[in-house]
Protein backbone atom coordinates (compact mmCIF):
# COMPACT_ATOMS: atom_id res chain seq x y z
CA MET A 1 0.14 -0.03 -0.27
CA MET A 2 0.87 3.33 -1.06
CA ASP A 3 1.49 6.26 1.53
CA ALA A 4 -1.11 9.36 1.40
CA MET A 5 1.09 12.76 -0.55
CA ALA A 6 0.10 15.94 -0.65
CA GLN A 7 -0.75 16.90 -4.34
CA ILE A 8 0.18 20.94 -5.04
CA THR A 9 -0.23 22.63 -8.29
CA LEU A 10 2.46 24.31 -10.11
CA TYR A 11 2.56 27.08 -12.39
CA LEU A 12 5.58 27.51 -14.29
CA ASP A 13 6.71 29.84 -16.53
CA GLU A 14 7.53 27.85 -20.43
CA GLU A 15 11.80 28.30 -20.03
CA THR A 16 11.06 27.03 -16.11
CA ASP A 17 9.42 24.23 -17.61
CA ALA A 18 11.91 23.32 -20.01
CA LEU A 19 14.38 23.22 -16.99
CA LEU A 20 12.85 20.89 -15.07
CA THR A 21 11.81 18.78 -17.72
CA ARG A 22 15.58 18.54 -18.81
CA ALA A 23 16.91 18.00 -15.52
CA ALA A 24 14.14 15.46 -14.24
CA SER A 25 15.46 13.49 -17.24
CA ALA A 26 18.52 14.07 -17.17
CA SER A 27 18.32 12.03 -13.76
CA GLY A 28 15.62 9.66 -15.00
CA LEU A 29 13.19 10.71 -12.43
CA SER A 30 9.72 12.22 -12.90
CA LYS A 31 8.81 15.50 -12.68
CA SER A 32 7.03 14.89 -9.70
CA ARG A 33 9.61 13.07 -7.76
CA TRP A 34 12.40 15.39 -9.23
CA VAL A 35 10.87 18.07 -7.55
CA ALA A 36 10.48 16.94 -4.24
CA ARG A 37 13.84 16.17 -3.98
CA ALA A 38 15.47 19.75 -4.86
CA ILE A 39 12.63 21.00 -2.08
CA ARG A 40 14.09 18.46 0.73
CA SER A 41 18.05 19.23 -0.36
CA HIS A 42 17.11 22.83 -0.34
CA ALA A 43 13.86 23.36 2.37
CA ASP A 44 16.24 21.73 5.47
CA ASP A 45 17.73 23.73 7.69
CA ALA A 46 19.54 21.29 9.91
CA LEU A 47 23.49 21.37 9.02
CA PRO A 48 25.42 18.15 8.08
CA ASP A 49 27.21 16.52 10.59
CA ALA A 50 30.64 17.17 8.85
CA PHE A 51 30.04 20.71 9.12
CA ARG A 52 29.42 20.59 12.71
CA GLY A 53 32.69 18.44 13.07
CA LEU A 54 34.35 21.91 11.67
CA ALA A 55 34.04 23.68 14.56
CA GLY A 56 36.67 24.60 16.66
CA ALA A 57 39.38 23.27 13.71
CA PHE A 58 40.98 26.24 12.37
CA PRO A 59 42.56 27.54 15.90
CA ASP A 60 44.17 30.37 14.33
CA PHE A 61 40.84 32.14 12.70
CA PRO A 62 40.02 34.93 14.66
CA LEU A 63 36.74 34.97 16.17
CA GLN A 64 36.85 37.87 18.25
CA ASP A 65 38.96 41.22 18.41
CA CYS A 66 39.02 41.41 14.91
CA ALA A 67 38.20 45.28 14.54
CA ALA A 68 41.62 45.53 17.27
CA ASP A 69 43.87 43.91 14.20
CA ALA A 70 46.24 46.92 13.66
CA ARG A 71 46.91 45.62 10.07
CA LEU A 72 42.70 46.33 9.16
CA PRO A 73 42.42 48.94 7.68
CA PRO A 74 40.27 52.07 9.31
CA ASP A 75 36.63 52.42 8.47
CA THR A 76 35.48 54.01 5.39
CA PRO A 77 33.61 57.58 6.24
CA ARG A 78 29.86 57.29 5.45
CA ILE A 79 27.74 59.94 3.44
CA GLY A 80 25.43 61.74 5.24
CA PHE A 81 22.06 62.52 3.75
């Protein structure tokens, strides 16, 4: 038995539909499945574990006190309005 699936109506201009058709065909997927995968890959806000593993991996990366670094140029003067 197949799980229930939500249905949406998606309005695309001809150029965007052509892009979708080519991408889905090249990947061997239906348009519906290609769009579902694109949504899952771009709408998920969770960071990958490999990204989280980088925290603290660069001991010489300046995370604070950057403004106190004498090698930085002074701020650009702002123009008043």
